[in-house]
PDB file of N, CA and C in Angstrom:
ATOM      1  N   MET A   1      18.695 168.480  84.319  1.00  0.00           N
ATOM      2  CA  MET A   1      17.872 169.641  83.970  1.00  0.00           C
ATOM      3  C   MET A   1      18.832 171.343  83.589  1.00  0.00           C
ATOM      4  N   ASN A   2      20.206 171.221  83.947  1.00  0.00           N
ATOM      5  CA  ASN A   2      20.481 172.343  83.810  1.00  0.00           C
ATOM      6  C   ASN A   2      21.762 172.302  82.189  1.00  0.00           C
ATOM      7  N   LYS A   3      21.327 170.909  81.576  1.00  0.00           N
ATOM      8  CA  LYS A   3      21.704 170.471  80.367  1.00  0.00           C
ATOM      9  C   LYS A   3      20.456 171.447  79.183  1.00  0.00           C
ATOM     10  N   TYR A   4      19.600 171.824  79.540  1.00  0.00           N
ATOM     11  CA  TYR A   4      17.716 171.503  79.385  1.00  0.00           C
ATOM     12  C   TYR A   4      18.276 173.422  79.365  1.00  0.00           C
ATOM     13  N   ILE A   5      18.305 173.784  80.245  1.00  0.00           N
ATOM     14  CA  ILE A   5      17.965 175.179  80.520  1.00  0.00           C
ATOM     15  C   ILE A   5      19.245 175.795  79.613  1.00  0.00           C
ATOM     16  N   GLY A   6      20.717 175.496  79.971  1.00  0.00           N
ATOM     17  CA  GLY A   6      21.388 176.026  78.557  1.00  0.00           C
ATOM     18  C   GLY A   6      20.874 175.581  77.193  1.00  0.00           C
ATOM     19  N   LYS A   7      20.685 174.890  76.281  1.00  0.00           N
ATOM     20  CA  LYS A   7      20.028 175.194  75.199  1.00  0.00           C
ATOM     21  C   LYS A   7      18.889 175.414  74.804  1.00  0.00           C
ATOM     22  N   ALA A   8      18.236 175.939  75.543  1.00  0.00           N
ATOM     23  CA  ALA A   8      17.193 176.818  75.997  1.00  0.00           C
ATOM     24  C   ALA A   8      17.336 178.165  76.031  1.00  0.00           C
ATOM     25  N   GLY A   9      18.891 178.650  76.333  1.00  0.00           N
ATOM     26  CA  GLY A   9      19.288 180.374  76.506  1.00  0.00           C
ATOM     27  C   GLY A   9      20.314 180.379  75.079  1.00  0.00           C
ATOM     28  N   GLN A  10      20.944 178.881  74.536  1.00  0.00           N
ATOM     29  CA  GLN A  10      21.503 178.582  73.505  1.00  0.00           C
ATOM     30  C   GLN A  10      20.521 179.000  72.259  1.00  0.00           C
ATOM     31  N   TYR A  11      19.201 178.671  72.426  1.00  0.00           N
ATOM     32  CA  TYR A  11      18.176 179.069  71.469  1.00  0.00           C
ATOM     33  C   TYR A  11      17.834 179.869  71.573  1.00  0.00           C
ATOM     34  N   TYR A  12      17.396 180.955  72.731  1.00  0.00           N
ATOM     35  CA  TYR A  12      17.216 182.105  72.633  1.00  0.00           C
ATOM     36  C   TYR A  12      18.631 183.020  71.861  1.00  0.00           C
ATOM     37  N   ARG A  13      19.408 182.765  71.983  1.00  0.00           N
ATOM     38  CA  ARG A  13      20.796 183.615  71.437  1.00  0.00           C
ATOM     39  C   ARG A  13      20.668 183.070  70.327  1.00  0.00           C
ATOM     40  N   ASP A  14      20.295 182.463  69.646  1.00  0.00           N
ATOM     41  CA  ASP A  14      20.512 182.036  68.083  1.00  0.00           C
ATOM     42  C   ASP A  14      19.130 182.921  67.574  1.00  0.00           C
ATOM     43  N   VAL A  15      18.239 182.839  68.159  1.00  0.00           N
ATOM     44  CA  VAL A  15      16.515 183.284  67.653  1.00  0.00           C
ATOM     45  C   VAL A  15      17.227 184.922  67.309  1.00  0.00           C
ATOM     46  N   ILE A  16      17.677 185.584  68.459  1.00  0.00           N
ATOM     47  CA  ILE A  16      18.408 186.945  68.829  1.00  0.00           C
ATOM     48  C   ILE A  16      19.068 187.026  67.619  1.00  0.00           C
ATOM     49  N   SER A  17      19.607 186.395  66.946  1.00  0.00           N
ATOM     50  CA  SER A  17      20.830 186.930  66.295  1.00  0.00           C
ATOM     51  C   SER A  17      19.982 186.710  64.955  1.00  0.00           C
ATOM     52  N   GLU A  18      19.560 185.549  64.753  1.00  0.00           N
ATOM     53  CA  GLU A  18      19.054 185.385  63.280  1.00  0.00           C
ATOM     54  C   GLU A  18      17.919 187.069  63.534  1.00  0.00           C
ATOM     55  N   MET A  19      17.011 187.209  64.007  1.00  0.00           N
ATOM     56  CA  MET A  19      16.406 188.265  63.999  1.00  0.00           C
ATOM     57  C   MET A  19      16.836 189.569  63.665  1.00  0.00           C
ATOM     58  N   ARG A  20      18.345 189.772  64.172  1.00  0.00           N
ATOM     59  CA  ARG A  20      18.973 191.153  63.462  1.00  0.00           C
ATOM     60  C   ARG A  20      19.201 191.226  62.632  1.00  0.00           C
ATOM     61  N   LYS A  21      19.588 189.948  61.683  1.00  0.00           N
ATOM     62  CA  LYS A  21      19.893 189.920  60.556  1.00  0.00           C
ATOM     63  C   LYS A  21      19.196 190.111  59.473  1.00  0.00           C
ATOM     64  N   VAL A  22      17.396 190.284  59.779  1.00  0.00           N
ATOM     65  CA  VAL A  22      16.343 190.300  59.056  1.00  0.00           C
ATOM     66  C   VAL A  22      16.193 191.471  58.737  1.00  0.00           C
ATOM     67  N   ILE A  23      16.074 191.927  56.841  1.00  0.00           N
ATOM     68  CA  ILE A  23      15.573 192.940  56.568  1.00  0.00           C
ATOM     69  C   ILE A  23      14.461 192.914  56.268  1.00  0.00           C
ATOM     70  N   TRP A  24      13.732 193.863  57.254  1.00  0.00           N
ATOM     71  CA  TRP A  24      11.984 194.327  57.403  1.00  0.00           C
ATOM     72  C   TRP A  24      11.813 195.166  56.269  1.00  0.00           C
ATOM     73  N   PRO A  25      10.907 194.601  55.874  1.00  0.00           N
ATOM     74  CA  PRO A  25      10.372 195.387  54.622  1.00  0.00           C
ATOM     75  C   PRO A  25      10.398 197.504  54.970  1.00  0.00           C
ATOM     76  N   SER A  26      10.332 198.331  54.365  1.00  0.00           N
ATOM     77  CA  SER A  26       9.755 199.369  54.703  1.00  0.00           C
ATOM     78  C   SER A  26       8.075 199.655  54.918  1.00  0.00           C
ATOM     79  N   LYS A  27       7.452 200.832  54.890  1.00  0.00           N
ATOM     80  CA  LYS A  27       6.088 200.810  55.491  1.00  0.00           C
ATOM     81  C   LYS A  27       5.368 200.656  53.727  1.00  0.00           C
ATOM     82  N   GLU A  28       6.401 201.571  52.883  1.00  0.00           N
ATOM     83  CA  GLU A  28       6.348 202.110  51.469  1.00  0.00           C
ATOM     84  C   GLU A  28       5.988 200.555  50.695  1.00  0.00           C
ATOM     85  N   GLU A  29       7.002 199.591  51.061  1.00  0.00           N
ATOM     86  CA  GLU A  29       7.014 198.472  50.693  1.00  0.00           C
ATOM     87  C   GLU A  29       5.528 197.555  50.891  1.00  0.00           C
ATOM     88  N   ILE A  30       5.210 197.426  51.921  1.00  0.00           N
ATOM     89  CA  ILE A  30       4.608 196.960  53.205  1.00  0.00           C
ATOM     90  C   ILE A  30       2.967 197.318  52.311  1.00  0.00           C
ATOM     91  N   LYS A  31       2.514 198.635  52.057  1.00  0.00           N
ATOM     92  CA  LYS A  31       1.656 198.806  51.242  1.00  0.00           C
ATOM     93  C   LYS A  31       1.538 199.322  50.234  1.00  0.00           C
ATOM     94  N   ASP A  32       2.663 199.200  49.288  1.00  0.00           N
ATOM     95  CA  ASP A  32       2.848 198.439  48.073  1.00  0.00           C
ATOM     96  C   ASP A  32       2.199 196.852  47.689  1.00  0.00           C
ATOM     97  N   LEU A  33       2.410 195.904  48.175  1.00  0.00           N
ATOM     98  CA  LEU A  33       2.987 195.301  48.545  1.00  0.00           C
ATOM     99  C   LEU A  33       1.329 194.552  48.652  1.00  0.00           C
ATOM    100  N   THR A  34       0.673 194.759  50.283  1.00  0.00           N
ATOM    101  CA  THR A  34      -0.256 195.115  50.181  1.00  0.00           C
ATOM    102  C   THR A  34      -1.603 195.198  49.196  1.00  0.00           C
ATOM    103  N   ILE A  35      -1.397 196.665  48.965  1.00  0.00           N
ATOM    104  CA  ILE A  35      -2.358 196.414  47.403  1.00  0.00           C
ATOM    105  C   ILE A  35      -2.237 195.959  46.392  1.00  0.00           C
ATOM    106  N   VAL A  36      -1.204 195.225  45.797  1.00  0.00           N
ATOM    107  CA  VAL A  36      -1.243 194.139  45.094  1.00  0.00           C
ATOM    108  C   VAL A  36      -2.100 192.490  45.686  1.00  0.00           C
ATOM    109  N   VAL A  37      -1.608 192.114  47.007  1.00  0.00           N
ATOM    110  CA  VAL A  37      -2.601 191.307  47.473  1.00  0.00           C
ATOM    111  C   VAL A  37      -3.573 191.385  47.397  1.00  0.00           C
ATOM    112  N   LEU A  38      -4.062 192.263  47.751  1.00  0.00           N
ATOM    113  CA  LEU A  38      -5.759 193.031  47.820  1.00  0.00           C
ATOM    114  C   LEU A  38      -6.208 192.997  46.442  1.00  0.00           C
ATOM    115  N   THR A  39      -5.687 193.475  45.029  1.00  0.00           N
ATOM    116  CA  THR A  39      -5.970 193.623  43.848  1.00  0.00           C
ATOM    117  C   THR A  39      -5.718 191.920  43.393  1.00  0.00           C
ATOM    118  N   VAL A  40      -5.191 191.119  43.406  1.00  0.00           N
ATOM    119  CA  VAL A  40      -5.055 190.025  43.116  1.00  0.00           C
ATOM    120  C   VAL A  40      -6.141 189.211  43.276  1.00  0.00           C
ATOM    121  N   SER A  41      -6.283 189.390  45.032  1.00  0.00           N
ATOM    122  CA  SER A  41      -7.373 188.269  46.123  1.00  0.00           C
ATOM    123  C   SER A  41      -8.780 188.327  45.659  1.00  0.00           C
ATOM    124  N   GLY A  42      -9.246 189.942  44.871  1.00  0.00           N
ATOM    125  CA  GLY A  42     -10.370 190.992  44.308  1.00  0.00           C
ATOM    126  C   GLY A  42     -10.722 190.046  42.674  1.00  0.00           C
ATOM    127  N   ILE A  43      -9.383 189.776  42.119  1.00  0.00           N
ATOM    128  CA  ILE A  43      -9.770 190.009  40.718  1.00  0.00           C
ATOM    129  C   ILE A  43      -9.899 188.111  40.726  1.00  0.00           C
ATOM    130  N   LEU A  44      -9.439 187.337  41.511  1.00  0.00           N
ATOM    131  CA  LEU A  44      -9.498 185.960  41.561  1.00  0.00           C
ATOM    132  C   LEU A  44     -11.026 185.841  42.259  1.00  0.00           C
ATOM    133  N   ALA A  45     -11.510 186.520  43.256  1.00  0.00           N
ATOM    134  CA  ALA A  45     -12.883 186.314  43.614  1.00  0.00           C
ATOM    135  C   ALA A  45     -14.117 185.939  42.621  1.00  0.00           C
ATOM    136  N   LEU A  46     -13.746 187.269  41.993  1.00  0.00           N
ATOM    137  CA  LEU A  46     -14.584 187.768  40.684  1.00  0.00           C
ATOM    138  C   LEU A  46     -14.418 186.656  39.811  1.00  0.00           C
ATOM    139  N   PHE A  47     -13.505 186.404  39.633  1.00  0.00           N
ATOM    140  CA  PHE A  47     -13.100 184.937  38.473  1.00  0.00           C
ATOM    141  C   PHE A  47     -13.989 183.879  38.871  1.00  0.00           C
ATOM    142  N   THR A  48     -13.854 183.692  40.305  1.00  0.00           N
ATOM    143  CA  THR A  48     -14.606 182.616  40.968  1.00  0.00           C
ATOM    144  C   THR A  48     -16.059 183.033  40.958  1.00  0.00           C
ATOM    145  N   PHE A  49     -16.365 184.309  41.296  1.00  0.00           N
ATOM    146  CA  PHE A  49     -18.139 184.158  40.940  1.00  0.00           C
ATOM    147  C   PHE A  49     -18.330 183.962  39.915  1.00  0.00           C
ATOM    148  N   LEU A  50     -17.851 184.668  38.638  1.00  0.00           N
ATOM    149  CA  LEU A  50     -18.270 184.188  37.747  1.00  0.00           C
ATOM    150  C   LEU A  50     -18.377 182.926  36.835  1.00  0.00           C
ATOM    151  N   VAL A  51     -17.260 182.433  37.256  1.00  0.00           N
ATOM    152  CA  VAL A  51     -17.269 180.646  36.761  1.00  0.00           C
ATOM    153  C   VAL A  51     -18.286 180.670  37.206  1.00  0.00           C
ATOM    154  N   ASP A  52     -18.744 180.599  38.919  1.00  0.00           N
ATOM    155  CA  ASP A  52     -19.797 179.632  39.643  1.00  0.00           C
ATOM    156  C   ASP A  52     -20.912 179.866  39.248  1.00  0.00           C
ATOM    157  N   TRP A  53     -21.264 181.180  38.389  1.00  0.00           N
ATOM    158  CA  TRP A  53     -22.226 181.977  37.982  1.00  0.00           C
ATOM    159  C   TRP A  53     -22.625 181.189  36.301  1.00  0.00           C
ATOM    160  N   VAL A  54     -21.769 181.020  35.697  1.00  0.00           N
ATOM    161  CA  VAL A  54     -21.690 180.743  34.494  1.00  0.00           C
ATOM    162  C   VAL A  54     -22.126 178.469  34.498  1.00  0.00           C
ATOM    163  N   ILE A  55     -21.489 178.360  34.994  1.00  0.00           N
ATOM    164  CA  ILE A  55     -21.913 176.534  35.170  1.00  0.00           C
ATOM    165  C   ILE A  55     -23.271 176.816  35.776  1.00  0.00           C
ATOM    166  N   ASN A  56     -23.384 177.691  37.077  1.00  0.00           N
ATOM    167  CA  ASN A  56     -24.838 177.847  37.323  1.00  0.00           C
ATOM    168  C   ASN A  56     -26.146 177.989  36.414  1.00  0.00           C
ATOM    169  N   PHE A  57     -25.513 178.646  35.424  1.00  0.00           N
ATOM    170  CA  PHE A  57     -26.891 179.160  34.650  1.00  0.00           C
ATOM    171  C   PHE A  57     -26.609 178.207  33.675  1.00  0.00           C
ATOM    172  N   VAL A  58     -25.560 177.448  32.676  1.00  0.00           N
ATOM    173  CA  VAL A  58     -25.436 176.490  32.404  1.00  0.00           C
ATOM    174  C   VAL A  58     -26.107 174.958  32.710  1.00  0.00           C
ATOM    175  N   MET A  59     -26.546 174.453  34.198  1.00  0.00           N
ATOM    176  CA  MET A  59     -26.830 173.975  34.370  1.00  0.00           C
ATOM    177  C   MET A  59     -28.625 173.733  34.502  1.00  0.00           C
ATOM    178  N   GLY A  60     -28.877 175.649  35.098  1.00  0.00           N
ATOM    179  CA  GLY A  60     -30.461 175.423  35.106  1.00  0.00           C
ATOM    180  C   GLY A  60     -30.680 175.342  33.890  1.00  0.00           C
ATOM    181  N   LYS A  61     -30.053 175.945  32.610  1.00  0.00           N
ATOM    182  CA  LYS A  61     -30.552 175.665  31.273  1.00  0.00           C
ATOM    183  C   LYS A  61     -30.578 174.200  31.010  1.00  0.00           C
ATOM    184  N   LEU A  62     -29.873 172.994  31.233  1.00  0.00           N
ATOM    185  CA  LEU A  62     -29.552 171.934  31.065  1.00  0.00           C
ATOM    186  C   LEU A  62     -30.800 171.041  31.861  1.00  0.00           C
ATOM    187  N   LEU A  63     -30.903 171.340  32.725  1.00  0.00           N
ATOM    188  CA  LEU A  63     -32.201 170.794  33.901  1.00  0.00           C
ATOM    189  C   LEU A  63     -33.129 171.594  33.884  1.00  0.00           C
TER     190      LEU A  63
END
């Protein structure tokens, strides 16, 4: 049982050590990347809508 407690403690220390190495993005980077993600998501949603609309229009004319 003590062996598992020791391993859990080592795991916790390793996690803390690795988290200290992380370079977190600045608020400006987070803002800029959020804008990029929202813009790309909007463009893809619009593209998907247009493709769906065209397919429905063509299928409506064919049937």
